[in-house]
Amino acid sequence: MRDSERPLDQSDEKRLKTRGLGSSRSYEPFIKVHEISSKGESFRILGRNSTRLHHLLSRLELSAFLVFDRYQPTTDIKEQYPLPIVDSLSICERLGIKHPQIAGKLQGASILCSIYNPNNTRAR
C-alpha cells in the first residue's frame, strides 16, 4: 500500500484541529515534550520574543531555537508546526523515503520553526 493511501492516525487528526494554530503567545505546538516517550533529550524553554514556553525535541532544535530567538528581526517562532499531510507525503515521495508511520497509520509531520517578519525585510 502506498503511503498516500494509508489513513492518518486518529490522535494526530484530532490534534490538527486544535494545535499548530495561533501566533506568538497564543501558538500551541502540534507536539508537546511530555507527549513523546523518548530516551533522547527534550527541552521546554521560555522564548524571549514570544514570552511563551517552547517545546523542543532535540539538542539540534534547541540550538536552532536559541539562534532564532536572539535574532533581532524574528517576530515569531513556531516549533512543532504541522505540515499539511499532502505536502508531507509529496516531500517524502520526492526524497524516496517512507512517511512516518506507527502501526500502518500516517503520523502528522512537523517542522522545527517558522520565522515571520511582517515587513518582509532582510536583516543586514
PDB file of N, CA and C in Angstrom:
ATOM      1  N   MET A   1       0.843  -1.179   0.000  1.00  0.00           N
ATOM      2  CA  MET A   1       0.000   0.000   0.000  1.00  0.00           C
ATOM      3  C   MET A   1       0.893   1.249   0.000  1.00  0.00           C
ATOM      4  N   ARG A   2       0.574   2.193  -0.868  1.00  0.00           N
ATOM      5  CA  ARG A   2       1.336   3.445  -0.924  1.00  0.00           C
ATOM      6  C   ARG A   2       1.027   4.280   0.313  1.00  0.00           C
ATOM      7  N   ASP A   3       2.006   5.101   0.713  1.00  0.00           N
ATOM      8  CA  ASP A   3       1.818   5.953   1.886  1.00  0.00           C
ATOM      9  C   ASP A   3       0.583   6.838   1.756  1.00  0.00           C
ATOM     10  N   SER A   4       0.347   7.360   0.562  1.00  0.00           N
ATOM     11  CA  SER A   4      -0.777   8.278   0.361  1.00  0.00           C
ATOM     12  C   SER A   4      -2.131   7.589   0.537  1.00  0.00           C
ATOM     13  N   GLU A   5      -2.159   6.260   0.518  1.00  0.00           N
ATOM     14  CA  GLU A   5      -3.406   5.510   0.682  1.00  0.00           C
ATOM     15  C   GLU A   5      -3.657   5.124   2.139  1.00  0.00           C
ATOM     16  N   ARG A   6      -2.691   5.354   2.995  1.00  0.00           N
ATOM     17  CA  ARG A   6      -2.832   4.991   4.405  1.00  0.00           C
ATOM     18  C   ARG A   6      -3.625   6.066   5.155  1.00  0.00           C
ATOM     19  N   PRO A   7      -4.344   5.655   6.200  1.00  0.00           N
ATOM     20  CA  PRO A   7      -5.100   6.643   6.983  1.00  0.00           C
ATOM     21  C   PRO A   7      -4.179   7.428   7.912  1.00  0.00           C
ATOM     22  N   LEU A   8      -4.610   8.624   8.272  1.00  0.00           N
ATOM     23  CA  LEU A   8      -3.887   9.441   9.242  1.00  0.00           C
ATOM     24  C   LEU A   8      -4.244   8.942  10.632  1.00  0.00           C
ATOM     25  N   ASP A   9      -3.265   8.890  11.518  1.00  0.00           N
ATOM     26  CA  ASP A   9      -3.503   8.466  12.892  1.00  0.00           C
ATOM     27  C   ASP A   9      -4.585   9.347  13.518  1.00  0.00           C
ATOM     28  N   GLN A  10      -5.549   8.720  14.214  1.00  0.00           N
ATOM     29  CA  GLN A  10      -6.686   9.459  14.770  1.00  0.00           C
ATOM     30  C   GLN A  10      -6.270  10.523  15.780  1.00  0.00           C
ATOM     31  N   SER A  11      -5.261  10.223  16.604  1.00  0.00           N
ATOM     32  CA  SER A  11      -4.830  11.224  17.594  1.00  0.00           C
ATOM     33  C   SER A  11      -4.214  12.439  16.908  1.00  0.00           C
ATOM     34  N   ASP A  12      -3.487  12.201  15.804  1.00  0.00           N
ATOM     35  CA  ASP A  12      -2.927  13.325  15.045  1.00  0.00           C
ATOM     36  C   ASP A  12      -4.040  14.125  14.376  1.00  0.00           C
ATOM     37  N   GLU A  13      -5.047  13.410  13.875  1.00  0.00           N
ATOM     38  CA  GLU A  13      -6.169  14.078  13.222  1.00  0.00           C
ATOM     39  C   GLU A  13      -6.890  15.001  14.212  1.00  0.00           C
ATOM     40  N   LYS A  14      -7.057  14.535  15.435  1.00  0.00           N
ATOM     41  CA  LYS A  14      -7.711  15.323  16.480  1.00  0.00           C
ATOM     42  C   LYS A  14      -6.859  16.543  16.842  1.00  0.00           C
ATOM     43  N   ARG A  15      -5.537  16.328  16.986  1.00  0.00           N
ATOM     44  CA  ARG A  15      -4.637  17.437  17.331  1.00  0.00           C
ATOM     45  C   ARG A  15      -4.592  18.496  16.246  1.00  0.00           C
ATOM     46  N   LEU A  16      -4.730  18.100  14.979  1.00  0.00           N
ATOM     47  CA  LEU A  16      -4.683  19.061  13.869  1.00  0.00           C
ATOM     48  C   LEU A  16      -5.796  20.099  13.953  1.00  0.00           C
ATOM     49  N   LYS A  17      -6.877  19.764  14.647  1.00  0.00           N
ATOM     50  CA  LYS A  17      -7.999  20.701  14.768  1.00  0.00           C
ATOM     51  C   LYS A  17      -7.751  21.771  15.821  1.00  0.00           C
ATOM     52  N   THR A  18      -6.857  21.497  16.773  1.00  0.00           N
ATOM     53  CA  THR A  18      -6.665  22.434  17.880  1.00  0.00           C
ATOM     54  C   THR A  18      -5.230  22.922  18.042  1.00  0.00           C
ATOM     55  N   ARG A  19      -4.279  22.271  17.391  1.00  0.00           N
ATOM     56  CA  ARG A  19      -2.879  22.649  17.592  1.00  0.00           C
ATOM     57  C   ARG A  19      -2.226  23.108  16.307  1.00  0.00           C
ATOM     58  N   GLY A  20      -1.097  23.810  16.480  1.00  0.00           N
ATOM     59  CA  GLY A  20      -0.409  24.365  15.320  1.00  0.00           C
ATOM     60  C   GLY A  20      -1.104  25.621  14.830  1.00  0.00           C
ATOM     61  N   LEU A  21      -1.977  26.147  15.670  1.00  0.00           N
ATOM     62  CA  LEU A  21      -2.747  27.349  15.316  1.00  0.00           C
ATOM     63  C   LEU A  21      -2.303  28.508  16.183  1.00  0.00           C
ATOM     64  N   GLY A  22      -2.688  29.705  15.788  1.00  0.00           N
ATOM     65  CA  GLY A  22      -2.359  30.884  16.569  1.00  0.00           C
ATOM     66  C   GLY A  22      -0.989  31.435  16.220  1.00  0.00           C
ATOM     67  N   SER A  23      -0.622  32.478  16.916  1.00  0.00           N
ATOM     68  CA  SER A  23       0.701  33.058  16.699  1.00  0.00           C
ATOM     69  C   SER A  23       1.204  33.657  17.996  1.00  0.00           C
ATOM     70  N   SER A  24       2.485  33.862  18.029  1.00  0.00           N
ATOM     71  CA  SER A  24       3.168  34.426  19.181  1.00  0.00           C
ATOM     72  C   SER A  24       2.750  33.725  20.469  1.00  0.00           C
ATOM     73  N   ARG A  25       2.243  34.458  21.419  1.00  0.00           N
ATOM     74  CA  ARG A  25       1.909  33.890  22.730  1.00  0.00           C
ATOM     75  C   ARG A  25       0.766  32.871  22.677  1.00  0.00           C
ATOM     76  N   SER A  26      -0.140  32.987  21.703  1.00  0.00           N
ATOM     77  CA  SER A  26      -1.291  32.086  21.626  1.00  0.00           C
ATOM     78  C   SER A  26      -1.010  30.800  20.838  1.00  0.00           C
ATOM     79  N   TYR A  27       0.189  30.669  20.226  1.00  0.00           N
ATOM     80  CA  TYR A  27       0.517  29.470  19.452  1.00  0.00           C
ATOM     81  C   TYR A  27       0.666  28.257  20.368  1.00  0.00           C
ATOM     82  N   GLU A  28       0.080  27.145  19.954  1.00  0.00           N
ATOM     83  CA  GLU A  28       0.228  25.895  20.695  1.00  0.00           C
ATOM     84  C   GLU A  28       0.864  24.863  19.763  1.00  0.00           C
ATOM     85  N   PRO A  29       2.046  24.326  20.124  1.00  0.00           N
ATOM     86  CA  PRO A  29       2.728  23.387  19.229  1.00  0.00           C
ATOM     87  C   PRO A  29       1.933  22.100  19.005  1.00  0.00           C
ATOM     88  N   PHE A  30       2.129  21.506  17.836  1.00  0.00           N
ATOM     89  CA  PHE A  30       1.449  20.271  17.460  1.00  0.00           C
ATOM     90  C   PHE A  30       1.836  19.123  18.396  1.00  0.00           C
ATOM     91  N   ILE A  31       3.097  19.078  18.784  1.00  0.00           N
ATOM     92  CA  ILE A  31       3.604  18.042  19.696  1.00  0.00           C
ATOM     93  C   ILE A  31       4.207  18.743  20.901  1.00  0.00           C
ATOM     94  N   LYS A  32       3.874  18.264  22.087  1.00  0.00           N
ATOM     95  CA  LYS A  32       4.462  18.804  23.309  1.00  0.00           C
ATOM     96  C   LYS A  32       5.425  17.778  23.897  1.00  0.00           C
ATOM     97  N   VAL A  33       6.434  18.272  24.591  1.00  0.00           N
ATOM     98  CA  VAL A  33       7.502  17.430  25.130  1.00  0.00           C
ATOM     99  C   VAL A  33       6.964  16.259  25.942  1.00  0.00           C
ATOM    100  N   HIS A  34       5.990  16.491  26.800  1.00  0.00           N
ATOM    101  CA  HIS A  34       5.501  15.432  27.684  1.00  0.00           C
ATOM    102  C   HIS A  34       4.703  14.350  26.957  1.00  0.00           C
ATOM    103  N   GLU A  35       4.364  14.556  25.684  1.00  0.00           N
ATOM    104  CA  GLU A  35       3.589  13.584  24.919  1.00  0.00           C
ATOM    105  C   GLU A  35       4.453  12.559  24.196  1.00  0.00           C
ATOM    106  N   ILE A  36       5.746  12.764  24.193  1.00  0.00           N
ATOM    107  CA  ILE A  36       6.668  11.887  23.471  1.00  0.00           C
ATOM    108  C   ILE A  36       7.458  11.039  24.461  1.00  0.00           C
ATOM    109  N   SER A  37       7.428   9.745  24.241  1.00  0.00           N
ATOM    110  CA  SER A  37       8.227   8.842  25.056  1.00  0.00           C
ATOM    111  C   SER A  37       9.560   8.648  24.334  1.00  0.00           C
ATOM    112  N   SER A  38      10.634   9.083  24.970  1.00  0.00           N
ATOM    113  CA  SER A  38      11.931   9.044  24.306  1.00  0.00           C
ATOM    114  C   SER A  38      13.058   8.922  25.315  1.00  0.00           C
ATOM    115  N   LYS A  39      14.130   8.285  24.867  1.00  0.00           N
ATOM    116  CA  LYS A  39      15.338   8.233  25.692  1.00  0.00           C
ATOM    117  C   LYS A  39      16.249   9.410  25.375  1.00  0.00           C
ATOM    118  N   GLY A  40      15.882  10.175  24.362  1.00  0.00           N
ATOM    119  CA  GLY A  40      16.676  11.335  23.961  1.00  0.00           C
ATOM    120  C   GLY A  40      16.380  12.550  24.819  1.00  0.00           C
ATOM    121  N   GLU A  41      16.982  13.652  24.423  1.00  0.00           N
ATOM    122  CA  GLU A  41      16.799  14.902  25.169  1.00  0.00           C
ATOM    123  C   GLU A  41      15.606  15.674  24.628  1.00  0.00           C
ATOM    124  N   SER A  42      14.947  16.400  25.502  1.00  0.00           N
ATOM    125  CA  SER A  42      13.896  17.321  25.098  1.00  0.00           C
ATOM    126  C   SER A  42      13.979  18.528  26.027  1.00  0.00           C
ATOM    127  N   PHE A  43      13.453  19.642  25.545  1.00  0.00           N
ATOM    128  CA  PHE A  43      13.609  20.900  26.280  1.00  0.00           C
ATOM    129  C   PHE A  43      12.313  21.698  26.221  1.00  0.00           C
ATOM    130  N   ARG A  44      12.016  22.373  27.311  1.00  0.00           N
ATOM    131  CA  ARG A  44      10.964  23.384  27.352  1.00  0.00           C
ATOM    132  C   ARG A  44      11.659  24.665  27.789  1.00  0.00           C
ATOM    133  N   ILE A  45      11.556  25.684  26.940  1.00  0.00           N
ATOM    134  CA  ILE A  45      12.297  26.911  27.204  1.00  0.00           C
ATOM    135  C   ILE A  45      11.404  28.119  26.915  1.00  0.00           C
ATOM    136  N   LEU A  46      11.518  29.122  27.750  1.00  0.00           N
ATOM    137  CA  LEU A  46      10.743  30.341  27.579  1.00  0.00           C
ATOM    138  C   LEU A  46      11.360  31.184  26.464  1.00  0.00           C
ATOM    139  N   GLY A  47      10.544  31.563  25.501  1.00  0.00           N
ATOM    140  CA  GLY A  47      11.007  32.383  24.394  1.00  0.00           C
ATOM    141  C   GLY A  47      11.149  33.841  24.792  1.00  0.00           C
ATOM    142  N   ARG A  48      12.204  34.456  24.331  1.00  0.00           N
ATOM    143  CA  ARG A  48      12.464  35.854  24.654  1.00  0.00           C
ATOM    144  C   ARG A  48      11.445  36.785  24.001  1.00  0.00           C
ATOM    145  N   ASN A  49      11.150  36.548  22.724  1.00  0.00           N
ATOM    146  CA  ASN A  49      10.207  37.405  21.997  1.00  0.00           C
ATOM    147  C   ASN A  49       8.759  36.992  22.205  1.00  0.00           C
ATOM    148  N   SER A  50       8.503  35.694  22.193  1.00  0.00           N
ATOM    149  CA  SER A  50       7.122  35.210  22.286  1.00  0.00           C
ATOM    150  C   SER A  50       6.601  35.176  23.715  1.00  0.00           C
ATOM    151  N   THR A  51       7.478  35.159  24.674  1.00  0.00           N
ATOM    152  CA  THR A  51       7.160  35.038  26.104  1.00  0.00           C
ATOM    153  C   THR A  51       6.225  33.867  26.388  1.00  0.00           C
ATOM    154  N   ARG A  52       6.437  32.773  25.680  1.00  0.00           N
ATOM    155  CA  ARG A  52       5.701  31.541  25.943  1.00  0.00           C
ATOM    156  C   ARG A  52       6.680  30.377  25.990  1.00  0.00           C
ATOM    157  N   LEU A  53       6.215  29.263  26.504  1.00  0.00           N
ATOM    158  CA  LEU A  53       7.045  28.073  26.612  1.00  0.00           C
ATOM    159  C   LEU A  53       7.124  27.377  25.255  1.00  0.00           C
ATOM    160  N   HIS A  54       8.333  27.075  24.797  1.00  0.00           N
ATOM    161  CA  HIS A  54       8.553  26.372  23.533  1.00  0.00           C
ATOM    162  C   HIS A  54       8.932  24.927  23.837  1.00  0.00           C
ATOM    163  N   HIS A  55       8.404  23.990  23.042  1.00  0.00           N
ATOM    164  CA  HIS A  55       8.647  22.558  23.223  1.00  0.00           C
ATOM    165  C   HIS A  55       9.604  22.079  22.134  1.00  0.00           C
ATOM    166  N   LEU A  56      10.816  21.701  22.521  1.00  0.00           N
ATOM    167  CA  LEU A  56      11.854  21.302  21.579  1.00  0.00           C
ATOM    168  C   LEU A  56      12.255  19.856  21.853  1.00  0.00           C
ATOM    169  N   LEU A  57      12.373  19.058  20.789  1.00  0.00           N
ATOM    170  CA  LEU A  57      12.547  17.622  20.942  1.00  0.00           C
ATOM    171  C   LEU A  57      13.968  17.123  20.729  1.00  0.00           C
ATOM    172  N   SER A  58      14.923  18.014  20.571  1.00  0.00           N
ATOM    173  CA  SER A  58      16.314  17.582  20.416  1.00  0.00           C
ATOM    174  C   SER A  58      17.258  18.748  20.706  1.00  0.00           C
ATOM    175  N   ARG A  59      18.514  18.433  20.880  1.00  0.00           N
ATOM    176  CA  ARG A  59      19.523  19.471  21.104  1.00  0.00           C
ATOM    177  C   ARG A  59      19.698  20.326  19.846  1.00  0.00           C
ATOM    178  N   LEU A  60      19.534  19.717  18.674  1.00  0.00           N
ATOM    179  CA  LEU A  60      19.625  20.467  17.417  1.00  0.00           C
ATOM    180  C   LEU A  60      18.497  21.511  17.331  1.00  0.00           C
ATOM    181  N   GLU A  61      17.280  21.112  17.701  1.00  0.00           N
ATOM    182  CA  GLU A  61      16.175  22.071  17.717  1.00  0.00           C
ATOM    183  C   GLU A  61      16.451  23.189  18.717  1.00  0.00           C
ATOM    184  N   LEU A  62      16.986  22.843  19.880  1.00  0.00           N
ATOM    185  CA  LEU A  62      17.318  23.852  20.887  1.00  0.00           C
ATOM    186  C   LEU A  62      18.349  24.837  20.344  1.00  0.00           C
ATOM    187  N   SER A  63      19.382  24.324  19.701  1.00  0.00           N
ATOM    188  CA  SER A  63      20.431  25.194  19.151  1.00  0.00           C
ATOM    189  C   SER A  63      19.857  26.164  18.117  1.00  0.00           C
ATOM    190  N   ALA A  64      19.038  25.638  17.207  1.00  0.00           N
ATOM    191  CA  ALA A  64      18.425  26.497  16.189  1.00  0.00           C
ATOM    192  C   ALA A  64      17.498  27.514  16.842  1.00  0.00           C
ATOM    193  N   PHE A  65      16.731  27.074  17.815  1.00  0.00           N
ATOM    194  CA  PHE A  65      15.810  27.974  18.513  1.00  0.00           C
ATOM    195  C   PHE A  65      16.565  29.127  19.163  1.00  0.00           C
ATOM    196  N   LEU A  66      17.670  28.824  19.840  1.00  0.00           N
ATOM    197  CA  LEU A  66      18.436  29.868  20.524  1.00  0.00           C
ATOM    198  C   LEU A  66      18.960  30.913  19.546  1.00  0.00           C
ATOM    199  N   VAL A  67      19.369  30.466  18.366  1.00  0.00           N
ATOM    200  CA  VAL A  67      19.836  31.410  17.341  1.00  0.00           C
ATOM    201  C   VAL A  67      18.680  32.287  16.882  1.00  0.00           C
ATOM    202  N   PHE A  68      17.549  31.664  16.519  1.00  0.00           N
ATOM    203  CA  PHE A  68      16.401  32.428  16.022  1.00  0.00           C
ATOM    204  C   PHE A  68      15.826  33.350  17.084  1.00  0.00           C
ATOM    205  N   ASP A  69      15.805  32.902  18.327  1.00  0.00           N
ATOM    206  CA  ASP A  69      15.222  33.695  19.407  1.00  0.00           C
ATOM    207  C   ASP A  69      16.041  34.956  19.683  1.00  0.00           C
ATOM    208  N   ARG A  70      17.332  34.910  19.436  1.00  0.00           N
ATOM    209  CA  ARG A  70      18.198  36.076  19.662  1.00  0.00           C
ATOM    210  C   ARG A  70      18.319  36.970  18.436  1.00  0.00           C
ATOM    211  N   TYR A  71      17.887  36.480  17.277  1.00  0.00           N
ATOM    212  CA  TYR A  71      17.981  37.220  16.022  1.00  0.00           C
ATOM    213  C   TYR A  71      16.957  38.359  16.038  1.00  0.00           C
ATOM    214  N   GLN A  72      17.413  39.583  15.950  1.00  0.00           N
ATOM    215  CA  GLN A  72      16.580  40.772  16.136  1.00  0.00           C
ATOM    216  C   GLN A  72      15.315  40.812  15.274  1.00  0.00           C
ATOM    217  N   PRO A  73      15.377  40.557  13.960  1.00  0.00           N
ATOM    218  CA  PRO A  73      14.163  40.668  13.139  1.00  0.00           C
ATOM    219  C   PRO A  73      13.118  39.568  13.385  1.00  0.00           C
ATOM    220  N   THR A  74      13.436  38.536  14.125  1.00  0.00           N
ATOM    221  CA  THR A  74      12.479  37.458  14.364  1.00  0.00           C
ATOM    222  C   THR A  74      11.319  37.972  15.203  1.00  0.00           C
ATOM    223  N   THR A  75      10.110  37.771  14.687  1.00  0.00           N
ATOM    224  CA  THR A  75       8.929  38.215  15.418  1.00  0.00           C
ATOM    225  C   THR A  75       8.121  37.056  15.971  1.00  0.00           C
ATOM    226  N   ASP A  76       8.299  35.853  15.422  1.00  0.00           N
ATOM    227  CA  ASP A  76       7.542  34.705  15.894  1.00  0.00           C
ATOM    228  C   ASP A  76       8.278  33.425  15.547  1.00  0.00           C
ATOM    229  N   ILE A  77       8.236  32.461  16.441  1.00  0.00           N
ATOM    230  CA  ILE A  77       8.823  31.142  16.200  1.00  0.00           C
ATOM    231  C   ILE A  77       7.743  30.115  16.488  1.00  0.00           C
ATOM    232  N   LYS A  78       7.499  29.227  15.524  1.00  0.00           N
ATOM    233  CA  LYS A  78       6.501  28.175  15.691  1.00  0.00           C
ATOM    234  C   LYS A  78       7.195  26.818  15.584  1.00  0.00           C
ATOM    235  N   GLU A  79       7.540  26.260  16.724  1.00  0.00           N
ATOM    236  CA  GLU A  79       8.147  24.930  16.741  1.00  0.00           C
ATOM    237  C   GLU A  79       7.060  23.862  16.645  1.00  0.00           C
ATOM    238  N   GLN A  80       7.425  22.687  16.152  1.00  0.00           N
ATOM    239  CA  GLN A  80       6.492  21.570  16.003  1.00  0.00           C
ATOM    240  C   GLN A  80       5.251  21.999  15.215  1.00  0.00           C
ATOM    241  N   TYR A  81       5.493  22.696  14.124  1.00  0.00           N
ATOM    242  CA  TYR A  81       4.417  23.206  13.274  1.00  0.00           C
ATOM    243  C   TYR A  81       3.969  22.098  12.319  1.00  0.00           C
ATOM    244  N   PRO A  82       2.677  21.771  12.272  1.00  0.00           N
ATOM    245  CA  PRO A  82       2.233  20.664  11.421  1.00  0.00           C
ATOM    246  C   PRO A  82       2.191  21.032   9.944  1.00  0.00           C
ATOM    247  N   LEU A  83       2.870  20.246   9.149  1.00  0.00           N
ATOM    248  CA  LEU A  83       2.781  20.402   7.693  1.00  0.00           C
ATOM    249  C   LEU A  83       1.493  19.749   7.210  1.00  0.00           C
ATOM    250  N   PRO A  84       0.835  20.318   6.196  1.00  0.00           N
ATOM    251  CA  PRO A  84      -0.314  19.611   5.615  1.00  0.00           C
ATOM    252  C   PRO A  84       0.144  18.232   5.126  1.00  0.00           C
ATOM    253  N   ILE A  85      -0.661  17.221   5.368  1.00  0.00           N
ATOM    254  CA  ILE A  85      -0.266  15.840   5.070  1.00  0.00           C
ATOM    255  C   ILE A  85       0.075  15.645   3.592  1.00  0.00           C
ATOM    256  N   VAL A  86      -0.625  16.334   2.685  1.00  0.00           N
ATOM    257  CA  VAL A  86      -0.311  16.201   1.257  1.00  0.00           C
ATOM    258  C   VAL A  86       1.088  16.729   0.947  1.00  0.00           C
ATOM    259  N   ASP A  87       1.465  17.829   1.596  1.00  0.00           N
ATOM    260  CA  ASP A  87       2.813  18.371   1.403  1.00  0.00           C
ATOM    261  C   ASP A  87       3.857  17.422   1.968  1.00  0.00           C
ATOM    262  N   SER A  88       3.577  16.886   3.133  1.00  0.00           N
ATOM    263  CA  SER A  88       4.498  15.959   3.777  1.00  0.00           C
ATOM    264  C   SER A  88       4.683  14.691   2.929  1.00  0.00           C
ATOM    265  N   LEU A  89       3.583  14.164   2.402  1.00  0.00           N
ATOM    266  CA  LEU A  89       3.656  12.978   1.535  1.00  0.00           C
ATOM    267  C   LEU A  89       4.448  13.282   0.262  1.00  0.00           C
ATOM    268  N   SER A  90       4.243  14.467  -0.293  1.00  0.00           N
ATOM    269  CA  SER A  90       4.945  14.869  -1.508  1.00  0.00           C
ATOM    270  C   SER A  90       6.452  14.961  -1.269  1.00  0.00           C
ATOM    271  N   ILE A  91       6.843  15.536  -0.142  1.00  0.00           N
ATOM    272  CA  ILE A  91       8.263  15.650   0.202  1.00  0.00           C
ATOM    273  C   ILE A  91       8.883  14.260   0.331  1.00  0.00           C
ATOM    274  N   CYS A  92       8.195  13.368   1.037  1.00  0.00           N
ATOM    275  CA  CYS A  92       8.708  12.002   1.211  1.00  0.00           C
ATOM    276  C   CYS A  92       8.841  11.282  -0.121  1.00  0.00           C
ATOM    277  N   GLU A  93       7.858  11.457  -0.980  1.00  0.00           N
ATOM    278  CA  GLU A  93       7.887  10.807  -2.289  1.00  0.00           C
ATOM    279  C   GLU A  93       9.067  11.314  -3.119  1.00  0.00           C
ATOM    280  N   ARG A  94       9.275  12.641  -3.127  1.00  0.00           N
ATOM    281  CA  ARG A  94      10.390  13.220  -3.889  1.00  0.00           C
ATOM    282  C   ARG A  94      11.739  12.750  -3.372  1.00  0.00           C
ATOM    283  N   LEU A  95      11.833  12.567  -2.046  1.00  0.00           N
ATOM    284  CA  LEU A  95      13.097  12.120  -1.446  1.00  0.00           C
ATOM    285  C   LEU A  95      13.266  10.605  -1.471  1.00  0.00           C
ATOM    286  N   GLY A  96      12.188   9.902  -1.841  1.00  0.00           N
ATOM    287  CA  GLY A  96      12.245   8.450  -1.905  1.00  0.00           C
ATOM    288  C   GLY A  96      12.298   7.799  -0.528  1.00  0.00           C
ATOM    289  N   ILE A  97      11.646   8.419   0.458  1.00  0.00           N
ATOM    290  CA  ILE A  97      11.627   7.849   1.805  1.00  0.00           C
ATOM    291  C   ILE A  97      10.186   7.596   2.234  1.00  0.00           C
ATOM    292  N   LYS A  98      10.022   6.693   3.204  1.00  0.00           N
ATOM    293  CA  LYS A  98       8.692   6.401   3.720  1.00  0.00           C
ATOM    294  C   LYS A  98       8.254   7.502   4.673  1.00  0.00           C
ATOM    295  N   HIS A  99       6.978   7.798   4.633  1.00  0.00           N
ATOM    296  CA  HIS A  99       6.406   8.771   5.551  1.00  0.00           C
ATOM    297  C   HIS A  99       6.349   8.154   6.946  1.00  0.00           C
ATOM    298  N   PRO A 100       6.569   8.945   8.015  1.00  0.00           N
ATOM    299  CA  PRO A 100       6.499   8.397   9.376  1.00  0.00           C
ATOM    300  C   PRO A 100       5.153   7.717   9.641  1.00  0.00           C
ATOM    301  N   GLN A 101       5.224   6.489  10.189  1.00  0.00           N
ATOM    302  CA  GLN A 101       4.024   5.709  10.466  1.00  0.00           C
ATOM    303  C   GLN A 101       4.186   4.957  11.775  1.00  0.00           C
ATOM    304  N   ILE A 102       3.069   4.704  12.419  1.00  0.00           N
ATOM    305  CA  ILE A 102       3.032   3.806  13.565  1.00  0.00           C
ATOM    306  C   ILE A 102       1.853   2.879  13.336  1.00  0.00           C
ATOM    307  N   ALA A 103       2.102   1.590  13.366  1.00  0.00           N
ATOM    308  CA  ALA A 103       1.066   0.568  13.144  1.00  0.00           C
ATOM    309  C   ALA A 103       0.310   0.810  11.839  1.00  0.00           C
ATOM    310  N   GLY A 104       1.022   1.219  10.784  1.00  0.00           N
ATOM    311  CA  GLY A 104       0.415   1.399   9.475  1.00  0.00           C
ATOM    312  C   GLY A 104      -0.402   2.662   9.302  1.00  0.00           C
ATOM    313  N   LYS A 105      -0.387   3.557  10.297  1.00  0.00           N
ATOM    314  CA  LYS A 105      -1.131   4.816  10.183  1.00  0.00           C
ATOM    315  C   LYS A 105      -0.144   5.971  10.095  1.00  0.00           C
ATOM    316  N   LEU A 106      -0.435   6.898   9.193  1.00  0.00           N
ATOM    317  CA  LEU A 106       0.444   8.045   8.992  1.00  0.00           C
ATOM    318  C   LEU A 106       0.489   8.922  10.230  1.00  0.00           C
ATOM    319  N   GLN A 107       1.657   9.435  10.521  1.00  0.00           N
ATOM    320  CA  GLN A 107       1.834  10.361  11.628  1.00  0.00           C
ATOM    321  C   GLN A 107       1.947  11.763  11.060  1.00  0.00           C
ATOM    322  N   GLY A 108       1.367  12.710  11.752  1.00  0.00           N
ATOM    323  CA  GLY A 108       1.479  14.108  11.329  1.00  0.00           C
ATOM    324  C   GLY A 108       2.930  14.539  11.418  1.00  0.00           C
ATOM    325  N   ALA A 109       3.434  15.116  10.371  1.00  0.00           N
ATOM    326  CA  ALA A 109       4.825  15.568  10.352  1.00  0.00           C
ATOM    327  C   ALA A 109       4.898  17.018  10.801  1.00  0.00           C
ATOM    328  N   SER A 110       6.049  17.412  11.286  1.00  0.00           N
ATOM    329  CA  SER A 110       6.209  18.793  11.728  1.00  0.00           C
ATOM    330  C   SER A 110       7.591  19.302  11.368  1.00  0.00           C
ATOM    331  N   ILE A 111       7.703  20.613  11.320  1.00  0.00           N
ATOM    332  CA  ILE A 111       8.993  21.234  11.089  1.00  0.00           C
ATOM    333  C   ILE A 111       9.398  21.980  12.346  1.00  0.00           C
ATOM    334  N   LEU A 112      10.658  22.341  12.424  1.00  0.00           N
ATOM    335  CA  LEU A 112      11.172  22.984  13.635  1.00  0.00           C
ATOM    336  C   LEU A 112      10.522  24.330  13.895  1.00  0.00           C
ATOM    337  N   CYS A 113      10.634  25.254  12.987  1.00  0.00           N
ATOM    338  CA  CYS A 113      10.060  26.572  13.261  1.00  0.00           C
ATOM    339  C   CYS A 113       9.891  27.373  11.984  1.00  0.00           C
ATOM    340  N   SER A 114       9.007  28.307  12.074  1.00  0.00           N
ATOM    341  CA  SER A 114       8.791  29.277  11.005  1.00  0.00           C
ATOM    342  C   SER A 114       9.101  30.637  11.596  1.00  0.00           C
ATOM    343  N   ILE A 115       9.778  31.453  10.834  1.00  0.00           N
ATOM    344  CA  ILE A 115      10.127  32.781  11.317  1.00  0.00           C
ATOM    345  C   ILE A 115       9.378  33.789  10.464  1.00  0.00           C
ATOM    346  N   TYR A 116       8.629  34.636  11.117  1.00  0.00           N
ATOM    347  CA  TYR A 116       7.834  35.626  10.416  1.00  0.00           C
ATOM    348  C   TYR A 116       8.396  37.017  10.631  1.00  0.00           C
ATOM    349  N   ASN A 117       8.483  37.749   9.560  1.00  0.00           N
ATOM    350  CA  ASN A 117       8.887  39.147   9.614  1.00  0.00           C
ATOM    351  C   ASN A 117       7.817  39.886   8.814  1.00  0.00           C
ATOM    352  N   PRO A 118       6.866  40.540   9.473  1.00  0.00           N
ATOM    353  CA  PRO A 118       5.735  41.132   8.754  1.00  0.00           C
ATOM    354  C   PRO A 118       6.128  42.155   7.708  1.00  0.00           C
ATOM    355  N   ASN A 119       7.285  42.807   7.859  1.00  0.00           N
ATOM    356  CA  ASN A 119       7.735  43.789   6.864  1.00  0.00           C
ATOM    357  C   ASN A 119       8.431  43.129   5.682  1.00  0.00           C
ATOM    358  N   ASN A 120       8.680  41.815   5.821  1.00  0.00           N
ATOM    359  CA  ASN A 120       9.332  41.021   4.775  1.00  0.00           C
ATOM    360  C   ASN A 120      10.651  41.659   4.336  1.00  0.00           C
ATOM    361  N   THR A 121      11.394  42.177   5.316  1.00  0.00           N
ATOM    362  CA  THR A 121      12.685  42.791   5.009  1.00  0.00           C
ATOM    363  C   THR A 121      13.802  41.862   5.429  1.00  0.00           C
ATOM    364  N   ARG A 122      14.967  42.036   4.857  1.00  0.00           N
ATOM    365  CA  ARG A 122      16.121  41.228   5.199  1.00  0.00           C
ATOM    366  C   ARG A 122      17.009  41.992   6.173  1.00  0.00           C
ATOM    367  N   ALA A 123      17.535  41.234   7.124  1.00  0.00           N
ATOM    368  CA  ALA A 123      18.468  41.854   8.067  1.00  0.00           C
ATOM    369  C   ALA A 123      19.790  42.110   7.389  1.00  0.00           C
ATOM    370  N   ARG A 124      20.467  43.146   7.781  1.00  0.00           N
ATOM    371  CA  ARG A 124      21.788  43.457   7.179  1.00  0.00           C
ATOM    372  C   ARG A 124      22.869  43.235   8.186  1.00  0.00           C
TER     373      ARG A 124
END
